[in-house]
Amino acid sequence: MALGIFGIMFGFMSVVSILGLLVLFLVKGEKARRISLYAMAVWGMAIAAFYGLSLPGNWVGGQILAWGLGLMSAAGIAVCAGAEGEVRRQAASVLVALSIVGGILKLFSII
């Protein structure tokens, strides 16, 4: 029973991540892009928290990796907040996308 719930949760997290990343990179409006960037950065931090808190206390390396992935999302927000050009906004989007993809792959034990 519990494994079915976890399967549904992982499926939901994957769908939200894929759709969010598509919106992040395909939206044209500046305000919508900024909102999607902030929402996906929070989602990336939540994924990192799920992964980091699910590990035992003595798996320090995995926890550091998880929190590092969450910090990549925070760095994306920091880069976006100080962004003046399109290149910096794209860099913020890439940081957030890497955080989300890395977190999902770690949750599924692929990497």
C-alpha atoms as a PDB file:
ATOM      1  CA  MET A   1       0.000   0.000   0.000  1.00  0.00           C
ATOM      2  CA  ALA A   2       2.714   2.475   0.973  1.00  0.00           C
ATOM      3  CA  LEU A   3       4.759   1.704  -2.130  1.00  0.00           C
ATOM      4  CA  GLY A   4       1.759   2.554  -4.289  1.00  0.00           C
ATOM      5  CA  ILE A   5       1.442   5.922  -2.583  1.00  0.00           C
ATOM      6  CA  PHE A   6       5.139   6.569  -3.119  1.00  0.00           C
ATOM      7  CA  GLY A   7       4.762   5.599  -6.776  1.00  0.00           C
ATOM      8  CA  ILE A   8       1.921   8.065  -7.198  1.00  0.00           C
ATOM      9  CA  MET A   9       3.930  10.762  -5.410  1.00  0.00           C
ATOM     10  CA  PHE A  10       6.978  10.205  -7.630  1.00  0.00           C
ATOM     11  CA  GLY A  11       4.790  10.254 -10.728  1.00  0.00           C
ATOM     12  CA  PHE A  12       3.167  13.498  -9.610  1.00  0.00           C
ATOM     13  CA  MET A  13       6.548  15.058  -8.834  1.00  0.00           C
ATOM     14  CA  SER A  14       7.884  14.047 -12.238  1.00  0.00           C
ATOM     15  CA  VAL A  15       4.895  15.455 -14.109  1.00  0.00           C
ATOM     16  CA  VAL A  16       5.013  18.742 -12.182  1.00  0.00           C
ATOM     17  CA  SER A  17       8.749  19.015 -12.827  1.00  0.00           C
ATOM     18  CA  ILE A  18       8.470  18.347 -16.551  1.00  0.00           C
ATOM     19  CA  LEU A  19       5.547  20.709 -17.038  1.00  0.00           C
ATOM     20  CA  GLY A  20       7.202  23.380 -14.905  1.00  0.00           C
ATOM     21  CA  LEU A  21      10.437  23.206 -16.858  1.00  0.00           C
ATOM     22  CA  LEU A  22       8.539  23.432 -20.137  1.00  0.00           C
ATOM     23  CA  VAL A  23       6.726  26.516 -18.887  1.00  0.00           C
ATOM     24  CA  LEU A  24       9.984  27.980 -17.588  1.00  0.00           C
ATOM     25  CA  PHE A  25      11.676  27.815 -20.972  1.00  0.00           C
ATOM     26  CA  LEU A  26       8.741  28.289 -23.361  1.00  0.00           C
ATOM     27  CA  VAL A  27       6.853  31.216 -21.823  1.00  0.00           C
ATOM     28  CA  LYS A  28       7.382  34.502 -23.661  1.00  0.00           C
ATOM     29  CA  GLY A  29       6.117  37.125 -21.199  1.00  0.00           C
ATOM     30  CA  GLU A  30       8.634  38.599 -18.775  1.00  0.00           C
ATOM     31  CA  LYS A  31       6.296  38.593 -15.774  1.00  0.00           C
ATOM     32  CA  ALA A  32       5.153  35.011 -16.428  1.00  0.00           C
ATOM     33  CA  ARG A  33       8.743  33.890 -16.881  1.00  0.00           C
ATOM     34  CA  ARG A  34       9.781  35.459 -13.580  1.00  0.00           C
ATOM     35  CA  ILE A  35       6.828  33.895 -11.733  1.00  0.00           C
ATOM     36  CA  SER A  36       7.555  30.478 -13.225  1.00  0.00           C
ATOM     37  CA  LEU A  37      11.248  30.845 -12.316  1.00  0.00           C
ATOM     38  CA  TYR A  38      10.427  31.613  -8.683  1.00  0.00           C
ATOM     39  CA  ALA A  39       7.852  28.810  -8.502  1.00  0.00           C
ATOM     40  CA  MET A  40      10.247  26.270  -9.986  1.00  0.00           C
ATOM     41  CA  ALA A  41      13.056  27.431  -7.700  1.00  0.00           C
ATOM     42  CA  VAL A  42      10.838  26.770  -4.696  1.00  0.00           C
ATOM     43  CA  TRP A  43       9.920  23.409  -6.230  1.00  0.00           C
ATOM     44  CA  GLY A  44      13.622  22.587  -6.664  1.00  0.00           C
ATOM     45  CA  MET A  45      14.273  23.439  -3.017  1.00  0.00           C
ATOM     46  CA  ALA A  46      11.328  21.263  -1.971  1.00  0.00           C
ATOM     47  CA  ILE A  47      12.688  18.330  -3.976  1.00  0.00           C
ATOM     48  CA  ALA A  48      16.088  18.816  -2.346  1.00  0.00           C
ATOM     49  CA  ALA A  49      14.429  18.867   1.076  1.00  0.00           C
ATOM     50  CA  PHE A  50      12.496  15.662   0.297  1.00  0.00           C
ATOM     51  CA  TYR A  51      15.696  13.933  -0.706  1.00  0.00           C
ATOM     52  CA  GLY A  52      17.891  15.354   2.048  1.00  0.00           C
ATOM     53  CA  LEU A  53      15.439  14.588   4.839  1.00  0.00           C
ATOM     54  CA  SER A  54      14.759  11.068   3.587  1.00  0.00           C
ATOM     55  CA  LEU A  55      18.378   9.980   4.061  1.00  0.00           C
ATOM     56  CA  PRO A  56      19.718   8.520   7.311  1.00  0.00           C
ATOM     57  CA  GLY A  57      21.720  10.851   9.524  1.00  0.00           C
ATOM     58  CA  ASN A  58      25.035   9.140   8.858  1.00  0.00           C
ATOM     59  CA  TRP A  59      24.838   9.529   5.063  1.00  0.00           C
ATOM     60  CA  VAL A  60      26.449  12.936   5.168  1.00  0.00           C
ATOM     61  CA  GLY A  61      27.709  12.907   1.584  1.00  0.00           C
ATOM     62  CA  GLY A  62      24.240  12.324   0.173  1.00  0.00           C
ATOM     63  CA  GLN A  63      22.782  15.000   2.408  1.00  0.00           C
ATOM     64  CA  ILE A  64      25.410  17.511   1.308  1.00  0.00           C
ATOM     65  CA  LEU A  65      24.618  16.688  -2.320  1.00  0.00           C
ATOM     66  CA  ALA A  66      20.891  17.135  -1.690  1.00  0.00           C
ATOM     67  CA  TRP A  67      21.287  20.472   0.034  1.00  0.00           C
ATOM     68  CA  GLY A  68      23.725  21.557  -2.679  1.00  0.00           C
ATOM     69  CA  LEU A  69      21.044  20.914  -5.279  1.00  0.00           C
ATOM     70  CA  GLY A  70      18.674  23.051  -3.222  1.00  0.00           C
ATOM     71  CA  LEU A  71      21.266  25.811  -3.022  1.00  0.00           C
ATOM     72  CA  MET A  72      21.473  25.808  -6.818  1.00  0.00           C
ATOM     73  CA  SER A  73      17.828  26.878  -6.867  1.00  0.00           C
ATOM     74  CA  ALA A  74      18.559  29.583  -4.311  1.00  0.00           C
ATOM     75  CA  ALA A  75      21.473  30.742  -6.471  1.00  0.00           C
ATOM     76  CA  GLY A  76      19.093  30.898  -9.427  1.00  0.00           C
ATOM     77  CA  ILE A  77      16.821  33.221  -7.469  1.00  0.00           C
ATOM     78  CA  ALA A  78      19.805  35.379  -6.478  1.00  0.00           C
ATOM     79  CA  VAL A  79      21.014  35.610 -10.079  1.00  0.00           C
ATOM     80  CA  CYS A  80      17.516  36.450 -11.302  1.00  0.00           C
ATOM     81  CA  ALA A  81      17.024  39.127  -8.641  1.00  0.00           C
ATOM     82  CA  GLY A  82      20.146  40.946  -9.796  1.00  0.00           C
ATOM     83  CA  ALA A  83      19.573  40.225 -13.487  1.00  0.00           C
ATOM     84  CA  GLU A  84      19.640  43.077 -15.922  1.00  0.00           C
ATOM     85  CA  GLY A  85      20.198  41.209 -19.155  1.00  0.00           C
ATOM     86  CA  GLU A  86      18.745  38.204 -20.908  1.00  0.00           C
ATOM     87  CA  VAL A  87      21.924  36.181 -20.414  1.00  0.00           C
ATOM     88  CA  ARG A  88      21.673  36.407 -16.619  1.00  0.00           C
ATOM     89  CA  ARG A  89      17.998  35.440 -16.708  1.00  0.00           C
ATOM     90  CA  GLN A  90      18.822  32.409 -18.838  1.00  0.00           C
ATOM     91  CA  ALA A  91      21.640  31.500 -16.436  1.00  0.00           C
ATOM     92  CA  ALA A  92      19.169  31.651 -13.539  1.00  0.00           C
ATOM     93  CA  SER A  93      16.767  29.421 -15.453  1.00  0.00           C
ATOM     94  CA  VAL A  94      19.517  26.913 -16.192  1.00  0.00           C
ATOM     95  CA  LEU A  95      20.561  26.809 -12.516  1.00  0.00           C
ATOM     96  CA  VAL A  96      16.987  26.116 -11.449  1.00  0.00           C
ATOM     97  CA  ALA A  97      16.515  23.497 -14.176  1.00  0.00           C
ATOM     98  CA  LEU A  98      19.723  21.684 -13.174  1.00  0.00           C
ATOM     99  CA  SER A  99      18.599  21.700  -9.570  1.00  0.00           C
ATOM    100  CA  ILE A 100      15.237  20.162 -10.437  1.00  0.00           C
ATOM    101  CA  VAL A 101      16.589  17.582 -12.857  1.00  0.00           C
ATOM    102  CA  GLY A 102      19.356  16.586 -10.446  1.00  0.00           C
ATOM    103  CA  GLY A 103      16.899  16.287  -7.565  1.00  0.00           C
ATOM    104  CA  ILE A 104      14.448  14.150  -9.525  1.00  0.00           C
ATOM    105  CA  LEU A 105      17.232  11.896 -10.779  1.00  0.00           C
ATOM    106  CA  LYS A 106      18.557  11.480  -7.227  1.00  0.00           C
ATOM    107  CA  LEU A 107      15.070  10.694  -5.934  1.00  0.00           C
ATOM    108  CA  PHE A 108      14.694   7.986  -8.551  1.00  0.00           C
ATOM    109  CA  SER A 109      18.219   6.716  -7.730  1.00  0.00           C
ATOM    110  CA  ILE A 110      19.381   7.163 -11.307  1.00  0.00           C
ATOM    111  CA  ILE A 111      22.490   9.148 -10.360  1.00  0.00           C
END
